Amino acid sequence: MVHPRVRTPSSRLGANPSIYNGLTVLDGTLTPQPSLAEEFTTQDARIWVFKLRKGVTFHDGKPLTPNDVVYSILRHKDPATASKAKVLADQIDTVKATGPNEVTITLTSPNADLPAILGTYHFHIVKEGTTDFNAGIGTGPYKVKEFKPGVRSIAVRNDGYWKPNRPYLDEIEFVGITDESARVNALLAGQVDLVSAVDPRSIDRIKGTGKYAVFETKAVSYTDLIVRDQYYPVPLPAVLGHEGAGVVEEVGRGVTSLVPGDPVVLSYGYCGSCAQCADRGQGDH
């Protein structure tokens, strides 16, 4: 199964969050919600106490313990693991089991966003001492039945899942289709029921069939609007015509609306070659 430590957004087996859980989970607004941790508290944003949910077991029947959480988080700090989340984990000073169902995380400096960080895909919880991830032993709603990297994975219902009356399906087959056009064609041909990572240019085509819905989730990335002009500062209305009743500006993927009051990031720089820079010396424009 895709390793939580080295997983990237492009390795979206979708199977990963189906197999594993984190201490927290991000909802549709990217707000961290309790998951394996039923409660998380802090007084200063530097020392965080996580109360683990009772009655949670891994797919092989082993109960979830604080030691599993300690192991899962601290391995990101080890350079030998080549974790893609090491830059996030470096702020973690210590992770300790401070009770039968309690883990305390101490940071090097306060960070109110720690619960959100722990809700990202890298920080899924695995069994203490796990080094072989092909079996995909997690606490998630589905268990690995078959795993063929780049081809397909089959996940079956975890009858011992800690969420009541979940999951809904008995089995899910994940098929590896790397080409976006091929994924969309497979969807429209009825060969698959759901696809991810849809190119914005395919959205109208999918919606035009009247048979499918397109789901969007918020993301943490943004596109900054870098404007270069011979005048300084650059008046935003002159660039976008962004005044009056409002202007709809398609940004990036063709579905983003820009209306009066929306934040726009303007970047000014020094090119060193134009008359304005020559007049200002090292001034920005």
C-alpha atoms as a PDB file:
ATOM      1  CA  MET A   1       0.000   0.000   0.000  1.00  0.00           C
ATOM      2  CA  VAL A   2       1.192   3.529  -0.619  1.00  0.00           C
ATOM      3  CA  HIS A   3       3.438   4.469   2.292  1.00  0.00           C
ATOM      4  CA  PRO A   4       2.024   7.400   4.311  1.00  0.00           C
ATOM      5  CA  ARG A   5       5.537   8.711   4.878  1.00  0.00           C
ATOM      6  CA  VAL A   6       6.532   9.037   1.237  1.00  0.00           C
ATOM      7  CA  ARG A   7       3.123   9.501  -0.318  1.00  0.00           C
ATOM      8  CA  THR A   8       2.636  12.555  -2.517  1.00  0.00           C
ATOM      9  CA  PRO A   9      -0.541  14.207  -3.821  1.00  0.00           C
ATOM     10  CA  SER A  10       0.100  12.605  -7.229  1.00  0.00           C
ATOM     11  CA  SER A  11       0.047   9.108  -5.745  1.00  0.00           C
ATOM     12  CA  ARG A  12      -3.658   9.361  -5.136  1.00  0.00           C
ATOM     13  CA  LEU A  13      -4.584   5.742  -4.891  1.00  0.00           C
ATOM     14  CA  GLY A  14      -7.499   7.041  -2.935  1.00  0.00           C
ATOM     15  CA  ALA A  15      -6.853   3.806  -1.128  1.00  0.00           C
ATOM     16  CA  ASN A  16      -4.565   5.502   1.360  1.00  0.00           C
ATOM     17  CA  PRO A  17      -7.234   7.403   3.357  1.00  0.00           C
ATOM     18  CA  SER A  18      -9.466   4.367   2.974  1.00  0.00           C
ATOM     19  CA  ILE A  19      -6.866   2.204   4.717  1.00  0.00           C
ATOM     20  CA  TYR A  20      -5.417   4.591   7.302  1.00  0.00           C
ATOM     21  CA  ASN A  21      -6.621   7.276   9.717  1.00  0.00           C
ATOM     22  CA  GLY A  22      -4.818  10.218  11.287  1.00  0.00           C
ATOM     23  CA  LEU A  23      -5.202  11.784  14.691  1.00  0.00           C
ATOM     24  CA  THR A  24      -7.293  14.446  12.989  1.00  0.00           C
ATOM     25  CA  VAL A  25      -9.016  14.775   9.637  1.00  0.00           C
ATOM     26  CA  LEU A  26      -9.633  17.877   7.536  1.00  0.00           C
ATOM     27  CA  ASP A  27     -13.253  18.559   6.653  1.00  0.00           C
ATOM     28  CA  GLY A  28     -14.542  20.252   3.508  1.00  0.00           C
ATOM     29  CA  THR A  29     -13.433  23.650   4.773  1.00  0.00           C
ATOM     30  CA  LEU A  30      -9.951  22.350   5.738  1.00  0.00           C
ATOM     31  CA  THR A  31     -10.859  22.624   9.428  1.00  0.00           C
ATOM     32  CA  PRO A  32      -9.284  19.837  11.534  1.00  0.00           C
ATOM     33  CA  GLN A  33     -11.807  17.507  13.142  1.00  0.00           C
ATOM     34  CA  PRO A  34     -11.259  14.641  15.622  1.00  0.00           C
ATOM     35  CA  SER A  35     -10.420  11.261  14.125  1.00  0.00           C
ATOM     36  CA  LEU A  36      -8.259   8.771  16.029  1.00  0.00           C
ATOM     37  CA  ALA A  37      -7.888  11.528  18.592  1.00  0.00           C
ATOM     38  CA  GLU A  38     -11.349  12.200  19.985  1.00  0.00           C
ATOM     39  CA  GLU A  39     -10.084  15.387  21.614  1.00  0.00           C
ATOM     40  CA  PHE A  40      -7.069  17.688  21.321  1.00  0.00           C
ATOM     41  CA  THR A  41      -6.295  20.597  23.610  1.00  0.00           C
ATOM     42  CA  THR A  42      -3.563  23.153  24.255  1.00  0.00           C
ATOM     43  CA  GLN A  43      -2.984  26.127  26.535  1.00  0.00           C
ATOM     44  CA  ASP A  44      -0.191  27.805  24.613  1.00  0.00           C
ATOM     45  CA  ALA A  45      -0.166  26.241  21.105  1.00  0.00           C
ATOM     46  CA  ARG A  46       3.205  24.679  21.935  1.00  0.00           C
ATOM     47  CA  ILE A  47       2.210  21.740  24.148  1.00  0.00           C
ATOM     48  CA  TRP A  48      -0.657  19.710  22.696  1.00  0.00           C
ATOM     49  CA  VAL A  49      -2.508  16.868  24.422  1.00  0.00           C
ATOM     50  CA  PHE A  50      -4.336  14.308  22.261  1.00  0.00           C
ATOM     51  CA  LYS A  51      -6.881  11.964  23.843  1.00  0.00           C
ATOM     52  CA  LEU A  52      -7.043   8.784  21.779  1.00  0.00           C
ATOM     53  CA  ARG A  53     -10.335   7.211  20.861  1.00  0.00           C
ATOM     54  CA  LYS A  54     -10.971   3.990  22.791  1.00  0.00           C
ATOM     55  CA  GLY A  55     -11.884   0.714  21.101  1.00  0.00           C
ATOM     56  CA  VAL A  56      -9.938   1.344  17.878  1.00  0.00           C
ATOM     57  CA  THR A  57      -8.126  -1.657  16.397  1.00  0.00           C
ATOM     58  CA  PHE A  58      -5.867  -2.183  13.418  1.00  0.00           C
ATOM     59  CA  HIS A  59      -6.930  -4.487  10.611  1.00  0.00           C
ATOM     60  CA  ASP A  60      -5.037  -7.376  12.192  1.00  0.00           C
ATOM     61  CA  GLY A  61      -6.870  -6.934  15.483  1.00  0.00           C
ATOM     62  CA  LYS A  62      -4.150  -5.112  17.415  1.00  0.00           C
ATOM     63  CA  PRO A  63      -5.556  -2.290  19.596  1.00  0.00           C
ATOM     64  CA  LEU A  64      -4.421   1.266  18.898  1.00  0.00           C
ATOM     65  CA  THR A  65      -2.031   2.503  21.606  1.00  0.00           C
ATOM     66  CA  PRO A  66      -0.152   5.758  22.288  1.00  0.00           C
ATOM     67  CA  ASN A  67       3.073   4.005  21.255  1.00  0.00           C
ATOM     68  CA  ASP A  68       1.691   3.579  17.725  1.00  0.00           C
ATOM     69  CA  VAL A  69       1.110   7.325  17.547  1.00  0.00           C
ATOM     70  CA  VAL A  70       4.563   8.147  18.924  1.00  0.00           C
ATOM     71  CA  TYR A  71       6.203   5.860  16.376  1.00  0.00           C
ATOM     72  CA  SER A  72       4.112   7.133  13.454  1.00  0.00           C
ATOM     73  CA  ILE A  73       4.916  10.794  14.094  1.00  0.00           C
ATOM     74  CA  LEU A  74       8.548  10.608  15.163  1.00  0.00           C
ATOM     75  CA  ARG A  75       9.640   8.575  12.127  1.00  0.00           C
ATOM     76  CA  HIS A  76       9.066  11.691  10.015  1.00  0.00           C
ATOM     77  CA  LYS A  77      11.913  13.393  11.872  1.00  0.00           C
ATOM     78  CA  ASP A  78      14.422  10.665  10.987  1.00  0.00           C
ATOM     79  CA  PRO A  79      16.426  11.703   7.883  1.00  0.00           C
ATOM     80  CA  ALA A  80      16.899   8.022   7.024  1.00  0.00           C
ATOM     81  CA  THR A  81      13.185   7.632   6.333  1.00  0.00           C
ATOM     82  CA  ALA A  82      13.276  10.336   3.620  1.00  0.00           C
ATOM     83  CA  SER A  83       9.870  11.585   4.736  1.00  0.00           C
ATOM     84  CA  LYS A  84       8.322  14.211   2.522  1.00  0.00           C
ATOM     85  CA  ALA A  85       6.811  15.680   5.676  1.00  0.00           C
ATOM     86  CA  LYS A  86      10.132  16.150   7.471  1.00  0.00           C
ATOM     87  CA  VAL A  87       9.982  19.907   6.999  1.00  0.00           C
ATOM     88  CA  LEU A  88       6.675  19.862   8.894  1.00  0.00           C
ATOM     89  CA  ALA A  89       7.881  17.418  11.526  1.00  0.00           C
ATOM     90  CA  ASP A  90      11.047  19.375  12.310  1.00  0.00           C
ATOM     91  CA  GLN A  91       9.036  21.750  14.504  1.00  0.00           C
ATOM     92  CA  ILE A  92       8.083  18.801  16.742  1.00  0.00           C
ATOM     93  CA  ASP A  93      10.389  18.603  19.745  1.00  0.00           C
ATOM     94  CA  THR A  94       8.987  15.561  21.549  1.00  0.00           C
ATOM     95  CA  VAL A  95       6.130  13.081  21.243  1.00  0.00           C
ATOM     96  CA  LYS A  96       5.375  11.118  24.398  1.00  0.00           C
ATOM     97  CA  ALA A  97       2.794   8.674  25.683  1.00  0.00           C
ATOM     98  CA  THR A  98       1.470  10.463  28.778  1.00  0.00           C
ATOM     99  CA  GLY A  99      -1.376   8.102  29.631  1.00  0.00           C
ATOM    100  CA  PRO A 100      -3.118   4.866  28.579  1.00  0.00           C
ATOM    101  CA  ASN A 101      -4.984   6.785  25.866  1.00  0.00           C
ATOM    102  CA  GLU A 102      -3.053  10.036  25.749  1.00  0.00           C
ATOM    103  CA  VAL A 103      -0.207  11.453  23.671  1.00  0.00           C
ATOM    104  CA  THR A 104       1.484  14.795  24.317  1.00  0.00           C
ATOM    105  CA  ILE A 105       3.277  16.608  21.501  1.00  0.00           C
ATOM    106  CA  THR A 106       5.641  19.458  22.377  1.00  0.00           C
ATOM    107  CA  LEU A 107       6.745  21.869  19.655  1.00  0.00           C
ATOM    108  CA  THR A 108       9.879  23.967  19.473  1.00  0.00           C
ATOM    109  CA  SER A 109       7.642  27.041  19.221  1.00  0.00           C
ATOM    110  CA  PRO A 110       3.878  27.666  19.272  1.00  0.00           C
ATOM    111  CA  ASN A 111       1.892  26.656  16.195  1.00  0.00           C
ATOM    112  CA  ALA A 112      -1.900  26.840  16.289  1.00  0.00           C
ATOM    113  CA  ASP A 113      -2.065  24.860  13.046  1.00  0.00           C
ATOM    114  CA  LEU A 114      -0.672  21.598  14.425  1.00  0.00           C
ATOM    115  CA  PRO A 115      -4.070  19.810  14.331  1.00  0.00           C
ATOM    116  CA  ALA A 116      -4.396  20.773  10.664  1.00  0.00           C
ATOM    117  CA  ILE A 117      -0.883  19.521   9.911  1.00  0.00           C
ATOM    118  CA  LEU A 118      -1.628  16.187  11.573  1.00  0.00           C
ATOM    119  CA  GLY A 119      -4.744  15.906   9.407  1.00  0.00           C
ATOM    120  CA  THR A 120      -2.718  15.778   6.194  1.00  0.00           C
ATOM    121  CA  TYR A 121      -2.059  12.500   4.406  1.00  0.00           C
ATOM    122  CA  HIS A 122       1.526  11.996   5.581  1.00  0.00           C
ATOM    123  CA  PHE A 123       0.617  11.731   9.253  1.00  0.00           C
ATOM    124  CA  HIS A 124      -1.589   8.658   9.109  1.00  0.00           C
ATOM    125  CA  ILE A 125      -1.091   6.303  12.047  1.00  0.00           C
ATOM    126  CA  VAL A 126       0.538   2.902  11.581  1.00  0.00           C
ATOM    127  CA  LYS A 127       1.459   0.132  13.985  1.00  0.00           C
ATOM    128  CA  GLU A 128       4.554   0.643  16.093  1.00  0.00           C
ATOM    129  CA  GLY A 129       7.592  -0.850  14.375  1.00  0.00           C
ATOM    130  CA  THR A 130       6.028  -1.153  10.910  1.00  0.00           C
ATOM    131  CA  THR A 131       8.612  -1.209   8.121  1.00  0.00           C
ATOM    132  CA  ASP A 132       6.780  -3.235   5.447  1.00  0.00           C
ATOM    133  CA  PHE A 133       3.738  -1.351   4.191  1.00  0.00           C
ATOM    134  CA  ASN A 134       2.644  -3.707   1.411  1.00  0.00           C
ATOM    135  CA  ALA A 135       0.008  -5.275   3.660  1.00  0.00           C
ATOM    136  CA  GLY A 136      -1.500  -1.853   4.412  1.00  0.00           C
ATOM    137  CA  ILE A 137      -2.356  -2.542   8.054  1.00  0.00           C
ATOM    138  CA  GLY A 138      -4.209   0.544   9.220  1.00  0.00           C
ATOM    139  CA  THR A 139      -7.303   1.532  11.190  1.00  0.00           C
ATOM    140  CA  GLY A 140      -9.347   2.750   8.215  1.00  0.00           C
ATOM    141  CA  PRO A 141     -12.741   1.673   6.883  1.00  0.00           C
ATOM    142  CA  TYR A 142     -11.278  -0.731   4.327  1.00  0.00           C
ATOM    143  CA  LYS A 143      -8.692  -3.501   4.398  1.00  0.00           C
ATOM    144  CA  VAL A 144      -6.289  -4.392   1.607  1.00  0.00           C
ATOM    145  CA  LYS A 145      -7.284  -7.495  -0.326  1.00  0.00           C
ATOM    146  CA  GLU A 146      -5.024  -7.029  -3.343  1.00  0.00           C
ATOM    147  CA  PHE A 147      -2.324  -4.516  -4.201  1.00  0.00           C
ATOM    148  CA  LYS A 148      -0.634  -4.307  -7.607  1.00  0.00           C
ATOM    149  CA  PRO A 149       1.296  -1.021  -7.824  1.00  0.00           C
ATOM    150  CA  GLY A 150       0.328   1.027 -10.854  1.00  0.00           C
ATOM    151  CA  VAL A 151      -2.291  -1.524 -11.906  1.00  0.00           C
ATOM    152  CA  ARG A 152      -5.038  -1.944  -9.352  1.00  0.00           C
ATOM    153  CA  SER A 153      -5.850  -2.327  -5.686  1.00  0.00           C
ATOM    154  CA  ILE A 154      -8.858  -4.006  -4.099  1.00  0.00           C
ATOM    155  CA  ALA A 155     -10.046  -2.957  -0.661  1.00  0.00           C
ATOM    156  CA  VAL A 156     -12.771  -4.766   1.282  1.00  0.00           C
ATOM    157  CA  ARG A 157     -15.010  -3.606   4.082  1.00  0.00           C
ATOM    158  CA  ASN A 158     -13.503  -3.468   7.566  1.00  0.00           C
ATOM    159  CA  ASP A 159     -16.299  -4.861   9.737  1.00  0.00           C
ATOM    160  CA  GLY A 160     -14.416  -3.757  12.847  1.00  0.00           C
ATOM    161  CA  TYR A 161     -14.221  -0.102  11.842  1.00  0.00           C
ATOM    162  CA  TRP A 162     -14.590   2.281  14.777  1.00  0.00           C
ATOM    163  CA  LYS A 163     -17.218   4.498  13.125  1.00  0.00           C
ATOM    164  CA  PRO A 164     -20.725   3.042  13.604  1.00  0.00           C
ATOM    165  CA  ASN A 165     -22.528   1.891  10.429  1.00  0.00           C
ATOM    166  CA  ARG A 166     -19.526   2.627   8.245  1.00  0.00           C
ATOM    167  CA  PRO A 167     -18.304   2.033   5.611  1.00  0.00           C
ATOM    168  CA  TYR A 168     -21.152   1.817   3.147  1.00  0.00           C
ATOM    169  CA  LEU A 169     -19.587  -0.371   0.448  1.00  0.00           C
ATOM    170  CA  ASP A 170     -18.455  -3.988   0.626  1.00  0.00           C
ATOM    171  CA  GLU A 171     -15.562  -3.625  -1.812  1.00  0.00           C
ATOM    172  CA  ILE A 172     -13.756  -0.946  -3.812  1.00  0.00           C
ATOM    173  CA  GLU A 173     -11.470  -1.527  -6.776  1.00  0.00           C
ATOM    174  CA  PHE A 174      -8.913   1.194  -7.489  1.00  0.00           C
ATOM    175  CA  VAL A 175      -7.605   1.154 -11.064  1.00  0.00           C
ATOM    176  CA  GLY A 176      -4.379   2.924 -12.012  1.00  0.00           C
ATOM    177  CA  ILE A 177      -4.970   5.194 -15.042  1.00  0.00           C
ATOM    178  CA  THR A 178      -2.214   7.786 -15.162  1.00  0.00           C
ATOM    179  CA  ASP A 179      -3.452   9.723 -18.208  1.00  0.00           C
ATOM    180  CA  GLU A 180      -6.177  12.233 -17.334  1.00  0.00           C
ATOM    181  CA  SER A 181      -7.911  11.983 -20.709  1.00  0.00           C
ATOM    182  CA  ALA A 182      -8.009   8.212 -20.413  1.00  0.00           C
ATOM    183  CA  ARG A 183      -9.493   8.508 -16.911  1.00  0.00           C
ATOM    184  CA  VAL A 184     -12.262  10.788 -18.119  1.00  0.00           C
ATOM    185  CA  ASN A 185     -12.967   8.558 -21.134  1.00  0.00           C
ATOM    186  CA  ALA A 186     -13.214   5.534 -18.842  1.00  0.00           C
ATOM    187  CA  LEU A 187     -15.700   7.411 -16.661  1.00  0.00           C
ATOM    188  CA  LEU A 188     -17.868   8.527 -19.567  1.00  0.00           C
ATOM    189  CA  ALA A 189     -17.779   5.020 -21.056  1.00  0.00           C
ATOM    190  CA  GLY A 190     -19.058   3.538 -17.820  1.00  0.00           C
ATOM    191  CA  GLN A 191     -15.878   1.539 -17.187  1.00  0.00           C
ATOM    192  CA  VAL A 192     -15.319   3.212 -13.799  1.00  0.00           C
ATOM    193  CA  ASP A 193     -17.679   4.919 -11.377  1.00  0.00           C
ATOM    194  CA  LEU A 194     -15.464   7.730 -10.088  1.00  0.00           C
ATOM    195  CA  VAL A 195     -12.235   9.458 -11.113  1.00  0.00           C
ATOM    196  CA  SER A 196     -10.004  11.973  -9.361  1.00  0.00           C
ATOM    197  CA  ALA A 197      -7.625  14.739 -10.429  1.00  0.00           C
ATOM    198  CA  VAL A 198      -9.836  15.954 -13.260  1.00  0.00           C
ATOM    199  CA  ASP A 199      -8.361  18.632 -15.505  1.00  0.00           C
ATOM    200  CA  PRO A 200     -10.469  21.829 -15.385  1.00  0.00           C
ATOM    201  CA  ARG A 201     -10.793  21.663 -19.158  1.00  0.00           C
ATOM    202  CA  SER A 202     -12.693  18.383 -18.822  1.00  0.00           C
ATOM    203  CA  ILE A 203     -15.309  19.704 -16.398  1.00  0.00           C
ATOM    204  CA  ASP A 204     -17.741  21.054 -19.008  1.00  0.00           C
ATOM    205  CA  ARG A 205     -17.488  17.818 -20.953  1.00  0.00           C
ATOM    206  CA  ILE A 206     -18.346  15.745 -17.883  1.00  0.00           C
ATOM    207  CA  LYS A 207     -21.167  17.997 -16.727  1.00  0.00           C
ATOM    208  CA  GLY A 208     -22.532  18.151 -20.273  1.00  0.00           C
ATOM    209  CA  THR A 209     -23.510  14.492 -20.147  1.00  0.00           C
ATOM    210  CA  GLY A 210     -25.999  15.175 -17.381  1.00  0.00           C
ATOM    211  CA  LYS A 211     -25.011  11.873 -15.768  1.00  0.00           C
ATOM    212  CA  TYR A 212     -22.170  12.900 -13.469  1.00  0.00           C
ATOM    213  CA  ALA A 213     -21.506  15.364 -10.674  1.00  0.00           C
ATOM    214  CA  VAL A 214     -18.204  17.153 -10.167  1.00  0.00           C
ATOM    215  CA  PHE A 215     -17.066  17.523  -6.570  1.00  0.00           C
ATOM    216  CA  GLU A 216     -14.578  20.185  -5.573  1.00  0.00           C
ATOM    217  CA  THR A 217     -12.526  20.415  -2.388  1.00  0.00           C
ATOM    218  CA  LYS A 218     -10.696  23.411  -1.069  1.00  0.00           C
ATOM    219  CA  ALA A 219      -6.927  23.399  -1.348  1.00  0.00           C
ATOM    220  CA  VAL A 220      -4.141  25.217   0.430  1.00  0.00           C
ATOM    221  CA  SER A 221      -2.462  26.403  -2.763  1.00  0.00           C
ATOM    222  CA  TYR A 222      -3.133  29.705  -4.480  1.00  0.00           C
ATOM    223  CA  THR A 223      -2.142  31.526  -7.657  1.00  0.00           C
ATOM    224  CA  ASP A 224      -0.541  34.904  -7.126  1.00  0.00           C
ATOM    225  CA  LEU A 225      -1.155  37.574  -9.741  1.00  0.00           C
ATOM    226  CA  ILE A 226       2.210  39.095 -10.637  1.00  0.00           C
ATOM    227  CA  VAL A 227       1.789  42.393 -12.462  1.00  0.00           C
ATOM    228  CA  ARG A 228       4.602  44.317 -14.169  1.00  0.00           C
ATOM    229  CA  ASP A 229       3.863  47.780 -15.454  1.00  0.00           C
ATOM    230  CA  GLN A 230       5.878  50.846 -16.293  1.00  0.00           C
ATOM    231  CA  TYR A 231       4.060  52.815 -13.624  1.00  0.00           C
ATOM    232  CA  TYR A 232       4.455  52.436  -9.880  1.00  0.00           C
ATOM    233  CA  PRO A 233       2.405  51.509  -8.014  1.00  0.00           C
ATOM    234  CA  VAL A 234       0.202  49.568 -10.420  1.00  0.00           C
ATOM    235  CA  PRO A 235      -3.450  50.536  -9.948  1.00  0.00           C
ATOM    236  CA  LEU A 236      -5.443  47.311  -9.759  1.00  0.00           C
ATOM    237  CA  PRO A 237      -8.551  48.703 -11.527  1.00  0.00           C
ATOM    238  CA  ALA A 238      -6.375  49.711 -14.468  1.00  0.00           C
ATOM    239  CA  VAL A 239      -5.088  46.178 -14.783  1.00  0.00           C
ATOM    240  CA  LEU A 240      -8.275  44.178 -14.209  1.00  0.00           C
ATOM    241  CA  GLY A 241     -11.039  46.677 -14.674  1.00  0.00           C
ATOM    242  CA  HIS A 242     -11.913  45.449 -11.190  1.00  0.00           C
ATOM    243  CA  GLU A 243     -14.474  48.017 -10.094  1.00  0.00           C
ATOM    244  CA  GLY A 244     -18.116  48.948 -10.422  1.00  0.00           C
ATOM    245  CA  ALA A 245     -20.633  46.101 -10.496  1.00  0.00           C
ATOM    246  CA  GLY A 246     -17.884  43.498 -10.527  1.00  0.00           C
ATOM    247  CA  VAL A 247     -15.872  41.579 -13.059  1.00  0.00           C
ATOM    248  CA  VAL A 248     -15.734  37.805 -13.341  1.00  0.00           C
ATOM    249  CA  GLU A 249     -12.152  36.859 -14.021  1.00  0.00           C
ATOM    250  CA  GLU A 250     -11.348  33.259 -14.841  1.00  0.00           C
ATOM    251  CA  VAL A 251      -8.199  32.407 -12.993  1.00  0.00           C
ATOM    252  CA  GLY A 252      -6.176  29.264 -13.541  1.00  0.00           C
ATOM    253  CA  ARG A 253      -8.869  26.641 -14.067  1.00  0.00           C
ATOM    254  CA  GLY A 254     -11.709  28.647 -15.504  1.00  0.00           C
ATOM    255  CA  VAL A 255     -14.090  28.318 -12.568  1.00  0.00           C
ATOM    256  CA  THR A 256     -12.785  30.950 -10.161  1.00  0.00           C
ATOM    257  CA  SER A 257     -14.741  34.190  -9.796  1.00  0.00           C
ATOM    258  CA  LEU A 258     -13.003  37.413  -8.907  1.00  0.00           C
ATOM    259  CA  VAL A 259     -15.367  39.990  -7.479  1.00  0.00           C
ATOM    260  CA  PRO A 260     -14.805  43.275  -5.647  1.00  0.00           C
ATOM    261  CA  GLY A 261     -13.276  42.633  -2.259  1.00  0.00           C
ATOM    262  CA  ASP A 262     -11.470  39.410  -3.203  1.00  0.00           C
ATOM    263  CA  PRO A 263      -7.827  39.306  -2.105  1.00  0.00           C
ATOM    264  CA  VAL A 264      -5.307  39.565  -4.926  1.00  0.00           C
ATOM    265  CA  VAL A 265      -1.580  39.190  -4.374  1.00  0.00           C
ATOM    266  CA  LEU A 266       0.420  41.761  -6.314  1.00  0.00           C
ATOM    267  CA  SER A 267       4.171  41.294  -6.510  1.00  0.00           C
ATOM    268  CA  TYR A 268       6.533  44.123  -7.366  1.00  0.00           C
ATOM    269  CA  GLY A 269      10.124  43.597  -8.330  1.00  0.00           C
ATOM    270  CA  TYR A 270      13.270  45.299  -9.574  1.00  0.00           C
ATOM    271  CA  CYS A 271      14.299  44.490 -13.142  1.00  0.00           C
ATOM    272  CA  GLY A 272      17.273  46.870 -13.344  1.00  0.00           C
ATOM    273  CA  SER A 273      16.808  47.574 -17.013  1.00  0.00           C
ATOM    274  CA  CYS A 274      13.983  50.075 -17.433  1.00  0.00           C
ATOM    275  CA  ALA A 275      13.907  53.832 -16.995  1.00  0.00           C
ATOM    276  CA  GLN A 276      11.854  53.623 -13.820  1.00  0.00           C
ATOM    277  CA  CYS A 277      14.433  51.381 -12.149  1.00  0.00           C
ATOM    278  CA  ALA A 278      17.234  53.615 -13.321  1.00  0.00           C
ATOM    279  CA  ASP A 279      15.488  56.600 -11.784  1.00  0.00           C
ATOM    280  CA  ARG A 280      14.857  54.805  -8.496  1.00  0.00           C
ATOM    281  CA  GLY A 281      18.177  53.037  -8.170  1.00  0.00           C
ATOM    282  CA  GLN A 282      17.285  49.889  -6.223  1.00  0.00           C
ATOM    283  CA  GLY A 283      13.641  50.871  -5.759  1.00  0.00           C
ATOM    284  CA  ASP A 284      10.889  48.354  -6.407  1.00  0.00           C
ATOM    285  CA  HIS A 285       8.345  48.660  -9.131  1.00  0.00           C
END
